[in-house]
PDB file of N, CA and C in Angstrom:
ATOM      1  N   MET A   1      22.608  41.836  27.558  1.00  0.00           N
ATOM      2  CA  MET A   1      23.443  42.704  26.736  1.00  0.00           C
ATOM      3  C   MET A   1      22.926  42.638  25.299  1.00  0.00           C
ATOM      4  N   THR A   2      22.686  43.797  24.722  1.00  0.00           N
ATOM      5  CA  THR A   2      22.211  43.831  23.338  1.00  0.00           C
ATOM      6  C   THR A   2      23.353  43.459  22.387  1.00  0.00           C
ATOM      7  N   ALA A   3      22.996  43.173  21.150  1.00  0.00           N
ATOM      8  CA  ALA A   3      24.017  42.854  20.146  1.00  0.00           C
ATOM      9  C   ALA A   3      24.960  44.028  19.937  1.00  0.00           C
ATOM     10  N   ASN A   4      24.427  45.238  19.944  1.00  0.00           N
ATOM     11  CA  ASN A   4      25.269  46.421  19.766  1.00  0.00           C
ATOM     12  C   ASN A   4      26.243  46.561  20.931  1.00  0.00           C
ATOM     13  N   GLU A   5      25.762  46.385  22.149  1.00  0.00           N
ATOM     14  CA  GLU A   5      26.634  46.466  23.327  1.00  0.00           C
ATOM     15  C   GLU A   5      27.707  45.378  23.279  1.00  0.00           C
ATOM     16  N   LYS A   6      27.305  44.200  22.841  1.00  0.00           N
ATOM     17  CA  LYS A   6      28.257  43.092  22.726  1.00  0.00           C
ATOM     18  C   LYS A   6      29.333  43.416  21.690  1.00  0.00           C
ATOM     19  N   SER A   7      28.926  43.962  20.555  1.00  0.00           N
ATOM     20  CA  SER A   7      29.913  44.298  19.521  1.00  0.00           C
ATOM     21  C   SER A   7      30.880  45.354  20.029  1.00  0.00           C
ATOM     22  N   GLN A   8      30.390  46.310  20.806  1.00  0.00           N
ATOM     23  CA  GLN A   8      31.267  47.347  21.354  1.00  0.00           C
ATOM     24  C   GLN A   8      32.210  46.784  22.426  1.00  0.00           C
ATOM     25  N   ALA A   9      31.753  45.797  23.182  1.00  0.00           N
ATOM     26  CA  ALA A   9      32.627  45.120  24.146  1.00  0.00           C
ATOM     27  C   ALA A   9      33.735  44.366  23.418  1.00  0.00           C
ATOM     28  N   VAL A  10      33.393  43.775  22.278  1.00  0.00           N
ATOM     29  CA  VAL A  10      34.397  43.086  21.456  1.00  0.00           C
ATOM     30  C   VAL A  10      35.428  44.096  20.948  1.00  0.00           C
ATOM     31  N   VAL A  11      34.955  45.224  20.447  1.00  0.00           N
ATOM     32  CA  VAL A  11      35.861  46.269  19.945  1.00  0.00           C
ATOM     33  C   VAL A  11      36.816  46.703  21.046  1.00  0.00           C
ATOM     34  N   LYS A  12      36.304  46.933  22.240  1.00  0.00           N
ATOM     35  CA  LYS A  12      37.148  47.360  23.368  1.00  0.00           C
ATOM     36  C   LYS A  12      38.215  46.312  23.670  1.00  0.00           C
ATOM     37  N   ALA A  13      37.837  45.039  23.700  1.00  0.00           N
ATOM     38  CA  ALA A  13      38.805  43.964  23.964  1.00  0.00           C
ATOM     39  C   ALA A  13      39.878  43.932  22.881  1.00  0.00           C
ATOM     40  N   LEU A  14      39.477  44.104  21.635  1.00  0.00           N
ATOM     41  CA  LEU A  14      40.434  44.098  20.528  1.00  0.00           C
ATOM     42  C   LEU A  14      41.373  45.301  20.604  1.00  0.00           C
ATOM     43  N   GLU A  15      40.825  46.452  20.941  1.00  0.00           N
ATOM     44  CA  GLU A  15      41.663  47.641  21.087  1.00  0.00           C
ATOM     45  C   GLU A  15      42.675  47.464  22.219  1.00  0.00           C
ATOM     46  N   ASP A  16      42.247  46.814  23.298  1.00  0.00           N
ATOM     47  CA  ASP A  16      43.139  46.582  24.436  1.00  0.00           C
ATOM     48  C   ASP A  16      44.358  45.754  24.047  1.00  0.00           C
ATOM     49  N   LYS A  17      44.212  44.904  23.038  1.00  0.00           N
ATOM     50  CA  LYS A  17      45.325  44.065  22.570  1.00  0.00           C
ATOM     51  C   LYS A  17      45.948  44.610  21.288  1.00  0.00           C
ATOM     52  N   LYS A  18      45.635  45.857  20.985  1.00  0.00           N
ATOM     53  CA  LYS A  18      46.262  46.593  19.875  1.00  0.00           C
ATOM     54  C   LYS A  18      45.954  46.028  18.489  1.00  0.00           C
ATOM     55  N   ALA A  19      44.775  45.425  18.329  1.00  0.00           N
ATOM     56  CA  ALA A  19      44.349  45.034  16.984  1.00  0.00           C
ATOM     57  C   ALA A  19      44.167  46.318  16.179  1.00  0.00           C
ATOM     58  N   SER A  20      44.269  46.211  14.867  1.00  0.00           N
ATOM     59  CA  SER A  20      44.143  47.399  14.022  1.00  0.00           C
ATOM     60  C   SER A  20      42.996  47.235  13.030  1.00  0.00           C
ATOM     61  N   ASN A  21      42.631  48.344  12.419  1.00  0.00           N
ATOM     62  CA  ASN A  21      41.616  48.362  11.368  1.00  0.00           C
ATOM     63  C   ASN A  21      40.356  47.609  11.805  1.00  0.00           C
ATOM     64  N   ILE A  22      39.854  47.925  12.985  1.00  0.00           N
ATOM     65  CA  ILE A  22      38.675  47.243  13.527  1.00  0.00           C
ATOM     66  C   ILE A  22      37.431  47.830  12.871  1.00  0.00           C
ATOM     67  N   GLU A  23      36.610  46.953  12.327  1.00  0.00           N
ATOM     68  CA  GLU A  23      35.362  47.375  11.693  1.00  0.00           C
ATOM     69  C   GLU A  23      34.201  46.594  12.274  1.00  0.00           C
ATOM     70  N   VAL A  24      33.099  47.279  12.501  1.00  0.00           N
ATOM     71  CA  VAL A  24      31.848  46.646  12.895  1.00  0.00           C
ATOM     72  C   VAL A  24      30.892  46.826  11.728  1.00  0.00           C
ATOM     73  N   ILE A  25      30.386  45.730  11.220  1.00  0.00           N
ATOM     74  CA  ILE A  25      29.493  45.771  10.062  1.00  0.00           C
ATOM     75  C   ILE A  25      28.110  45.275  10.485  1.00  0.00           C
ATOM     76  N   ASP A  26      27.110  46.088  10.241  1.00  0.00           N
ATOM     77  CA  ASP A  26      25.723  45.754  10.562  1.00  0.00           C
ATOM     78  C   ASP A  26      25.173  44.887   9.434  1.00  0.00           C
ATOM     79  N   VAL A  27      24.965  43.606   9.709  1.00  0.00           N
ATOM     80  CA  VAL A  27      24.511  42.668   8.676  1.00  0.00           C
ATOM     81  C   VAL A  27      23.102  42.151   8.937  1.00  0.00           C
ATOM     82  N   LYS A  28      22.417  42.695   9.935  1.00  0.00           N
ATOM     83  CA  LYS A  28      21.116  42.130  10.320  1.00  0.00           C
ATOM     84  C   LYS A  28      20.062  42.210   9.227  1.00  0.00           C
ATOM     85  N   GLU A  29      20.173  43.182   8.329  1.00  0.00           N
ATOM     86  CA  GLU A  29      19.217  43.286   7.222  1.00  0.00           C
ATOM     87  C   GLU A  29      19.626  42.413   6.038  1.00  0.00           C
ATOM     88  N   ARG A  30      20.811  41.817   6.083  1.00  0.00           N
ATOM     89  CA  ARG A  30      21.358  41.064   4.948  1.00  0.00           C
ATOM     90  C   ARG A  30      21.408  39.551   5.169  1.00  0.00           C
ATOM     91  N   THR A  31      21.386  39.123   6.447  1.00  0.00           N
ATOM     92  CA  THR A  31      21.515  37.700   6.736  1.00  0.00           C
ATOM     93  C   THR A  31      20.855  37.377   8.069  1.00  0.00           C
ATOM     94  N   SER A  32      20.437  36.138   8.216  1.00  0.00           N
ATOM     95  CA  SER A  32      19.876  35.692   9.493  1.00  0.00           C
ATOM     96  C   SER A  32      20.960  35.081  10.380  1.00  0.00           C
ATOM     97  N   LEU A  33      22.191  35.064   9.888  1.00  0.00           N
ATOM     98  CA  LEU A  33      23.287  34.455  10.640  1.00  0.00           C
ATOM     99  C   LEU A  33      23.654  35.256  11.878  1.00  0.00           C
ATOM    100  N   SER A  34      23.577  36.573  11.791  1.00  0.00           N
ATOM    101  CA  SER A  34      24.084  37.427  12.845  1.00  0.00           C
ATOM    102  C   SER A  34      23.554  38.835  12.650  1.00  0.00           C
ATOM    103  N   GLU A  35      23.749  39.678  13.673  1.00  0.00           N
ATOM    104  CA  GLU A  35      23.411  41.092  13.531  1.00  0.00           C
ATOM    105  C   GLU A  35      24.629  41.926  13.169  1.00  0.00           C
ATOM    106  N   TYR A  36      25.786  41.549  13.741  1.00  0.00           N
ATOM    107  CA  TYR A  36      27.007  42.300  13.495  1.00  0.00           C
ATOM    108  C   TYR A  36      28.177  41.369  13.242  1.00  0.00           C
ATOM    109  N   PHE A  37      29.042  41.790  12.340  1.00  0.00           N
ATOM    110  CA  PHE A  37      30.355  41.180  12.174  1.00  0.00           C
ATOM    111  C   PHE A  37      31.365  42.191  12.697  1.00  0.00           C
ATOM    112  N   VAL A  38      32.306  41.710  13.476  1.00  0.00           N
ATOM    113  CA  VAL A  38      33.421  42.547  13.912  1.00  0.00           C
ATOM    114  C   VAL A  38      34.669  41.939  13.288  1.00  0.00           C
ATOM    115  N   ILE A  39      35.418  42.768  12.561  1.00  0.00           N
ATOM    116  CA  ILE A  39      36.609  42.294  11.852  1.00  0.00           C
ATOM    117  C   ILE A  39      37.797  43.118  12.329  1.00  0.00           C
ATOM    118  N   ALA A  40      38.896  42.423  12.639  1.00  0.00           N
ATOM    119  CA  ALA A  40      40.090  43.118  13.118  1.00  0.00           C
ATOM    120  C   ALA A  40      41.334  42.476  12.528  1.00  0.00           C
ATOM    121  N   SER A  41      42.360  43.291  12.343  1.00  0.00           N
ATOM    122  CA  SER A  41      43.646  42.831  11.816  1.00  0.00           C
ATOM    123  C   SER A  41      44.683  42.754  12.934  1.00  0.00           C
ATOM    124  N   CYS A  42      45.589  41.780  12.763  1.00  0.00           N
ATOM    125  CA  CYS A  42      46.705  41.606  13.689  1.00  0.00           C
ATOM    126  C   CYS A  42      47.973  41.359  12.883  1.00  0.00           C
ATOM    127  N   GLN A  43      49.107  41.569  13.540  1.00  0.00           N
ATOM    128  CA  GLN A  43      50.385  41.454  12.844  1.00  0.00           C
ATOM    129  C   GLN A  43      51.036  40.085  12.945  1.00  0.00           C
ATOM    130  N   SER A  44      50.553  39.224  13.849  1.00  0.00           N
ATOM    131  CA  SER A  44      51.201  37.929  14.032  1.00  0.00           C
ATOM    132  C   SER A  44      50.216  36.906  14.584  1.00  0.00           C
ATOM    133  N   THR A  45      50.624  35.650  14.536  1.00  0.00           N
ATOM    134  CA  THR A  45      49.841  34.573  15.126  1.00  0.00           C
ATOM    135  C   THR A  45      49.643  34.811  16.618  1.00  0.00           C
ATOM    136  N   VAL A  46      50.693  35.247  17.273  1.00  0.00           N
ATOM    137  CA  VAL A  46      50.614  35.506  18.717  1.00  0.00           C
ATOM    138  C   VAL A  46      49.570  36.584  19.005  1.00  0.00           C
ATOM    139  N   GLN A  47      49.560  37.650  18.216  1.00  0.00           N
ATOM    140  CA  GLN A  47      48.595  38.718  18.444  1.00  0.00           C
ATOM    141  C   GLN A  47      47.170  38.269  18.131  1.00  0.00           C
ATOM    142  N   VAL A  48      46.988  37.474  17.077  1.00  0.00           N
ATOM    143  CA  VAL A  48      45.659  36.952  16.751  1.00  0.00           C
ATOM    144  C   VAL A  48      45.111  36.172  17.942  1.00  0.00           C
ATOM    145  N   ARG A  49      45.919  35.271  18.480  1.00  0.00           N
ATOM    146  CA  ARG A  49      45.473  34.460  19.615  1.00  0.00           C
ATOM    147  C   ARG A  49      45.239  35.321  20.857  1.00  0.00           C
ATOM    148  N   ALA A  50      46.105  36.291  21.098  1.00  0.00           N
ATOM    149  CA  ALA A  50      45.934  37.169  22.263  1.00  0.00           C
ATOM    150  C   ALA A  50      44.629  37.959  22.153  1.00  0.00           C
ATOM    151  N   CYS A  51      44.327  38.433  20.967  1.00  0.00           N
ATOM    152  CA  CYS A  51      43.075  39.165  20.753  1.00  0.00           C
ATOM    153  C   CYS A  51      41.867  38.257  20.959  1.00  0.00           C
ATOM    154  N   ALA A  52      41.913  37.064  20.385  1.00  0.00           N
ATOM    155  CA  ALA A  52      40.811  36.116  20.558  1.00  0.00           C
ATOM    156  C   ALA A  52      40.632  35.762  22.030  1.00  0.00           C
ATOM    157  N   ASP A  53      41.728  35.539  22.730  1.00  0.00           N
ATOM    158  CA  ASP A  53      41.657  35.227  24.162  1.00  0.00           C
ATOM    159  C   ASP A  53      41.031  36.373  24.943  1.00  0.00           C
ATOM    160  N   GLU A  54      41.410  37.613  24.610  1.00  0.00           N
ATOM    161  CA  GLU A  54      40.886  38.776  25.313  1.00  0.00           C
ATOM    162  C   GLU A  54      39.389  38.950  25.067  1.00  0.00           C
ATOM    163  N   VAL A  55      38.960  38.763  23.836  1.00  0.00           N
ATOM    164  CA  VAL A  55      37.529  38.849  23.525  1.00  0.00           C
ATOM    165  C   VAL A  55      36.771  37.806  24.341  1.00  0.00           C
ATOM    166  N   GLU A  56      37.257  36.577  24.307  1.00  0.00           N
ATOM    167  CA  GLU A  56      36.585  35.498  25.019  1.00  0.00           C
ATOM    168  C   GLU A  56      36.544  35.775  26.528  1.00  0.00           C
ATOM    169  N   GLU A  57      37.657  36.225  27.072  1.00  0.00           N
ATOM    170  CA  GLU A  57      37.727  36.501  28.512  1.00  0.00           C
ATOM    171  C   GLU A  57      36.777  37.626  28.909  1.00  0.00           C
ATOM    172  N   GLN A  58      36.770  38.709  28.162  1.00  0.00           N
ATOM    173  CA  GLN A  58      35.917  39.846  28.510  1.00  0.00           C
ATOM    174  C   GLN A  58      34.433  39.511  28.393  1.00  0.00           C
ATOM    175  N   LEU A  59      34.065  38.759  27.361  1.00  0.00           N
ATOM    176  CA  LEU A  59      32.655  38.409  27.221  1.00  0.00           C
ATOM    177  C   LEU A  59      32.238  37.370  28.257  1.00  0.00           C
ATOM    178  N   GLU A  60      33.139  36.461  28.625  1.00  0.00           N
ATOM    179  CA  GLU A  60      32.826  35.506  29.698  1.00  0.00           C
ATOM    180  C   GLU A  60      32.568  36.241  31.008  1.00  0.00           C
ATOM    181  N   LYS A  61      33.335  37.299  31.278  1.00  0.00           N
ATOM    182  CA  LYS A  61      33.103  38.114  32.482  1.00  0.00           C
ATOM    183  C   LYS A  61      31.703  38.712  32.482  1.00  0.00           C
ATOM    184  N   ALA A  62      31.175  38.977  31.290  1.00  0.00           N
ATOM    185  CA  ALA A  62      29.823  39.526  31.151  1.00  0.00           C
ATOM    186  C   ALA A  62      28.768  38.428  31.081  1.00  0.00           C
ATOM    187  N   GLY A  63      29.204  37.170  31.242  1.00  0.00           N
ATOM    188  CA  GLY A  63      28.272  36.044  31.234  1.00  0.00           C
ATOM    189  C   GLY A  63      27.921  35.525  29.857  1.00  0.00           C
ATOM    190  N   ILE A  64      28.747  35.832  28.872  1.00  0.00           N
ATOM    191  CA  ILE A  64      28.469  35.426  27.492  1.00  0.00           C
ATOM    192  C   ILE A  64      29.542  34.450  27.030  1.00  0.00           C
ATOM    193  N   ASP A  65      29.115  33.260  26.675  1.00  0.00           N
ATOM    194  CA  ASP A  65      30.045  32.229  26.211  1.00  0.00           C
ATOM    195  C   ASP A  65      30.056  32.161  24.688  1.00  0.00           C
ATOM    196  N   VAL A  66      31.215  31.868  24.152  1.00  0.00           N
ATOM    197  CA  VAL A  66      31.337  31.693  22.710  1.00  0.00           C
ATOM    198  C   VAL A  66      30.591  30.415  22.319  1.00  0.00           C
ATOM    199  N   ARG A  67      29.792  30.494  21.263  1.00  0.00           N
ATOM    200  CA  ARG A  67      29.055  29.327  20.782  1.00  0.00           C
ATOM    201  C   ARG A  67      29.952  28.395  19.983  1.00  0.00           C
ATOM    202  N   HIS A  68      30.824  29.015  19.202  1.00  0.00           N
ATOM    203  CA  HIS A  68      31.721  28.230  18.343  1.00  0.00           C
ATOM    204  C   HIS A  68      32.956  29.067  18.068  1.00  0.00           C
ATOM    205  N   LYS A  69      34.096  28.394  18.055  1.00  0.00           N
ATOM    206  CA  LYS A  69      35.354  29.078  17.744  1.00  0.00           C
ATOM    207  C   LYS A  69      36.162  28.157  16.850  1.00  0.00           C
ATOM    208  N   GLU A  70      36.734  28.735  15.800  1.00  0.00           N
ATOM    209  CA  GLU A  70      37.601  27.937  14.935  1.00  0.00           C
ATOM    210  C   GLU A  70      38.773  28.760  14.447  1.00  0.00           C
ATOM    211  N   GLY A  71      39.842  28.055  14.075  1.00  0.00           N
ATOM    212  CA  GLY A  71      41.027  28.689  13.537  1.00  0.00           C
ATOM    213  C   GLY A  71      42.071  29.041  14.576  1.00  0.00           C
ATOM    214  N   TYR A  72      41.772  28.809  15.848  1.00  0.00           N
ATOM    215  CA  TYR A  72      42.689  29.211  16.911  1.00  0.00           C
ATOM    216  C   TYR A  72      44.038  28.498  16.806  1.00  0.00           C
ATOM    217  N   SER A  73      44.024  27.228  16.448  1.00  0.00           N
ATOM    218  CA  SER A  73      45.281  26.456  16.415  1.00  0.00           C
ATOM    219  C   SER A  73      46.242  26.971  15.349  1.00  0.00           C
ATOM    220  N   THR A  74      45.716  27.441  14.216  1.00  0.00           N
ATOM    221  CA  THR A  74      46.600  27.967  13.182  1.00  0.00           C
ATOM    222  C   THR A  74      46.966  29.424  13.441  1.00  0.00           C
ATOM    223  N   GLY A  75      46.047  30.173  14.053  1.00  0.00           N
ATOM    224  CA  GLY A  75      46.340  31.544  14.446  1.00  0.00           C
ATOM    225  C   GLY A  75      46.407  32.565  13.332  1.00  0.00           C
ATOM    226  N   SER A  76      45.964  32.197  12.136  1.00  0.00           N
ATOM    227  CA  SER A  76      45.975  33.185  11.070  1.00  0.00           C
ATOM    228  C   SER A  76      44.605  33.863  10.903  1.00  0.00           C
ATOM    229  N   TRP A  77      43.547  33.153  11.282  1.00  0.00           N
ATOM    230  CA  TRP A  77      42.190  33.693  11.219  1.00  0.00           C
ATOM    231  C   TRP A  77      41.367  32.958  12.251  1.00  0.00           C
ATOM    232  N   VAL A  78      40.950  33.652  13.292  1.00  0.00           N
ATOM    233  CA  VAL A  78      40.097  33.058  14.311  1.00  0.00           C
ATOM    234  C   VAL A  78      38.696  33.623  14.129  1.00  0.00           C
ATOM    235  N   LEU A  79      37.727  32.716  14.016  1.00  0.00           N
ATOM    236  CA  LEU A  79      36.331  33.090  13.928  1.00  0.00           C
ATOM    237  C   LEU A  79      35.674  32.705  15.243  1.00  0.00           C
ATOM    238  N   MET A  80      34.946  33.652  15.825  1.00  0.00           N
ATOM    239  CA  MET A  80      34.257  33.408  17.091  1.00  0.00           C
ATOM    240  C   MET A  80      32.786  33.777  16.905  1.00  0.00           C
ATOM    241  N   ASP A  81      31.911  32.801  17.159  1.00  0.00           N
ATOM    242  CA  ASP A  81      30.478  32.998  16.966  1.00  0.00           C
ATOM    243  C   ASP A  81      29.805  33.212  18.318  1.00  0.00           C
ATOM    244  N   TYR A  82      29.244  34.397  18.482  1.00  0.00           N
ATOM    245  CA  TYR A  82      28.488  34.726  19.685  1.00  0.00           C
ATOM    246  C   TYR A  82      27.004  34.880  19.363  1.00  0.00           C
ATOM    247  N   GLY A  83      26.558  34.236  18.310  1.00  0.00           N
ATOM    248  CA  GLY A  83      25.153  34.314  17.918  1.00  0.00           C
ATOM    249  C   GLY A  83      24.867  35.589  17.154  1.00  0.00           C
ATOM    250  N   ASP A  84      24.518  36.642  17.860  1.00  0.00           N
ATOM    251  CA  ASP A  84      24.184  37.901  17.197  1.00  0.00           C
ATOM    252  C   ASP A  84      25.408  38.728  16.826  1.00  0.00           C
ATOM    253  N   VAL A  85      26.598  38.279  17.245  1.00  0.00           N
ATOM    254  CA  VAL A  85      27.855  38.929  16.878  1.00  0.00           C
ATOM    255  C   VAL A  85      28.851  37.853  16.467  1.00  0.00           C
ATOM    256  N   VAL A  86      29.435  38.011  15.296  1.00  0.00           N
ATOM    257  CA  VAL A  86      30.479  37.102  14.814  1.00  0.00           C
ATOM    258  C   VAL A  86      31.767  37.909  14.706  1.00  0.00           C
ATOM    259  N   VAL A  87      32.825  37.372  15.288  1.00  0.00           N
ATOM    260  CA  VAL A  87      34.105  38.071  15.358  1.00  0.00           C
ATOM    261  C   VAL A  87      35.112  37.376  14.448  1.00  0.00           C
ATOM    262  N   HIS A  88      35.793  38.163  13.618  1.00  0.00           N
ATOM    263  CA  HIS A  88      36.861  37.668  12.744  1.00  0.00           C
ATOM    264  C   HIS A  88      38.143  38.386  13.151  1.00  0.00           C
ATOM    265  N   VAL A  89      39.089  37.654  13.716  1.00  0.00           N
ATOM    266  CA  VAL A  89      40.390  38.217  14.070  1.00  0.00           C
ATOM    267  C   VAL A  89      41.394  37.582  13.111  1.00  0.00           C
ATOM    268  N   MET A  90      42.031  38.412  12.285  1.00  0.00           N
ATOM    269  CA  MET A  90      42.816  37.897  11.173  1.00  0.00           C
ATOM    270  C   MET A  90      44.190  38.539  11.097  1.00  0.00           C
ATOM    271  N   GLN A  91      45.162  37.757  10.639  1.00  0.00           N
ATOM    272  CA  GLN A  91      46.432  38.379  10.281  1.00  0.00           C
ATOM    273  C   GLN A  91      46.158  39.276   9.078  1.00  0.00           C
ATOM    274  N   GLN A  92      46.858  40.382   9.014  1.00  0.00           N
ATOM    275  CA  GLN A  92      46.615  41.374   7.972  1.00  0.00           C
ATOM    276  C   GLN A  92      46.657  40.769   6.569  1.00  0.00           C
ATOM    277  N   GLU A  93      47.608  39.880   6.319  1.00  0.00           N
ATOM    278  CA  GLU A  93      47.727  39.275   4.977  1.00  0.00           C
ATOM    279  C   GLU A  93      46.484  38.463   4.614  1.00  0.00           C
ATOM    280  N   MET A  94      45.938  37.738   5.589  1.00  0.00           N
ATOM    281  CA  MET A  94      44.723  36.947   5.346  1.00  0.00           C
ATOM    282  C   MET A  94      43.545  37.872   5.051  1.00  0.00           C
ATOM    283  N   ARG A  95      43.461  38.940   5.806  1.00  0.00           N
ATOM    284  CA  ARG A  95      42.362  39.876   5.611  1.00  0.00           C
ATOM    285  C   ARG A  95      42.418  40.497   4.229  1.00  0.00           C
ATOM    286  N   GLU A  96      43.599  40.892   3.808  1.00  0.00           N
ATOM    287  CA  GLU A  96      43.749  41.478   2.472  1.00  0.00           C
ATOM    288  C   GLU A  96      43.418  40.453   1.388  1.00  0.00           C
ATOM    289  N   PHE A  97      43.855  39.221   1.577  1.00  0.00           N
ATOM    290  CA  PHE A  97      43.635  38.188   0.567  1.00  0.00           C
ATOM    291  C   PHE A  97      42.152  37.860   0.414  1.00  0.00           C
ATOM    292  N   TYR A  98      41.452  37.629   1.545  1.00  0.00           N
ATOM    293  CA  TYR A  98      40.049  37.215   1.479  1.00  0.00           C
ATOM    294  C   TYR A  98      39.080  38.376   1.358  1.00  0.00           C
ATOM    295  N   GLY A  99      39.421  39.528   1.868  1.00  0.00           N
ATOM    296  CA  GLY A  99      38.583  40.724   1.714  1.00  0.00           C
ATOM    297  C   GLY A  99      37.137  40.521   2.087  1.00  0.00           C
ATOM    298  N   ILE A 100      36.883  39.912   3.238  1.00  0.00           N
ATOM    299  CA  ILE A 100      35.493  39.600   3.580  1.00  0.00           C
ATOM    300  C   ILE A 100      34.620  40.844   3.716  1.00  0.00           C
ATOM    301  N   GLU A 101      35.218  41.993   3.996  1.00  0.00           N
ATOM    302  CA  GLU A 101      34.407  43.217   4.058  1.00  0.00           C
ATOM    303  C   GLU A 101      33.745  43.503   2.712  1.00  0.00           C
ATOM    304  N   ARG A 102      34.427  43.158   1.629  1.00  0.00           N
ATOM    305  CA  ARG A 102      33.861  43.413   0.297  1.00  0.00           C
ATOM    306  C   ARG A 102      32.569  42.637   0.067  1.00  0.00           C
ATOM    307  N   LEU A 103      32.421  41.513   0.729  1.00  0.00           N
ATOM    308  CA  LEU A 103      31.187  40.735   0.598  1.00  0.00           C
ATOM    309  C   LEU A 103      29.991  41.475   1.205  1.00  0.00           C
ATOM    310  N   TRP A 104      30.287  42.392   2.114  1.00  0.00           N
ATOM    311  CA  TRP A 104      29.242  43.102   2.832  1.00  0.00           C
ATOM    312  C   TRP A 104      29.288  44.601   2.544  1.00  0.00           C
ATOM    313  N   ASP A 105      29.774  44.984   1.374  1.00  0.00           N
ATOM    314  CA  ASP A 105      29.897  46.399   1.019  1.00  0.00           C
ATOM    315  C   ASP A 105      28.575  47.158   1.107  1.00  0.00           C
ATOM    316  N   ASP A 106      27.475  46.464   0.848  1.00  0.00           N
ATOM    317  CA  ASP A 106      26.183  47.139   0.869  1.00  0.00           C
ATOM    318  C   ASP A 106      25.598  47.220   2.278  1.00  0.00           C
ATOM    319  N   ALA A 107      26.269  46.591   3.244  1.00  0.00           N
ATOM    320  CA  ALA A 107      25.802  46.650   4.643  1.00  0.00           C
ATOM    321  C   ALA A 107      26.344  47.902   5.303  1.00  0.00           C
ATOM    322  N   GLY A 108      25.725  48.289   6.385  1.00  0.00           N
ATOM    323  CA  GLY A 108      26.156  49.497   7.079  1.00  0.00           C
ATOM    324  C   GLY A 108      27.349  49.249   7.980  1.00  0.00           C
ATOM    325  N   LYS A 109      28.346  50.093   7.863  1.00  0.00           N
ATOM    326  CA  LYS A 109      29.503  50.027   8.756  1.00  0.00           C
ATOM    327  C   LYS A 109      29.270  50.987   9.905  1.00  0.00           C
ATOM    328  N   ILE A 110      29.608  50.539  11.069  1.00  0.00           N
ATOM    329  CA  ILE A 110      29.423  51.353  12.273  1.00  0.00           C
ATOM    330  C   ILE A 110      30.781  51.912  12.654  1.00  0.00           C
ATOM    331  N   LEU A 111      30.822  53.195  12.864  1.00  0.00           N
ATOM    332  CA  LEU A 111      32.075  53.832  13.263  1.00  0.00           C
ATOM    333  C   LEU A 111      32.419  53.448  14.691  1.00  0.00           C
ATOM    334  N   THR A 112      33.685  53.116  14.905  1.00  0.00           N
ATOM    335  CA  THR A 112      34.163  52.817  16.245  1.00  0.00           C
ATOM    336  C   THR A 112      35.137  53.889  16.661  1.00  0.00           C
ATOM    337  N   GLU A 113      35.257  54.089  17.942  1.00  0.00           N
ATOM    338  CA  GLU A 113      36.207  55.067  18.449  1.00  0.00           C
ATOM    339  C   GLU A 113      37.602  54.495  18.361  1.00  0.00           C
ATOM    340  N   GLU A 114      38.559  55.320  17.945  1.00  0.00           N
ATOM    341  CA  GLU A 114      39.951  54.864  17.877  1.00  0.00           C
ATOM    342  C   GLU A 114      40.826  55.856  18.556  1.00  0.00           C
TER     343      GLU A 114
END
């Protein structure tokens, strides 16, 4: 599965759990950390965890294991590292406060279907 296909699988999993404001940011020309960041907002701790669980479950079905996951216990911001795709599932307030998209304003945003 290519990085682009993986990012789209993440988007689908997030949409299935009703995450909002999902953005895919192409960072491959800006960092060696990853090719894409996927960022999504949720309304509660329960929704953040449900979204993270769905992403993990769907990618495991495709044979892709998460390399590293953090923030799950607090449920306000879960980061999931899949190597070429990094997923940020955040409560809306955390996303607004940290504004991580602003750090990558010069990177290309990929339109997702909504």
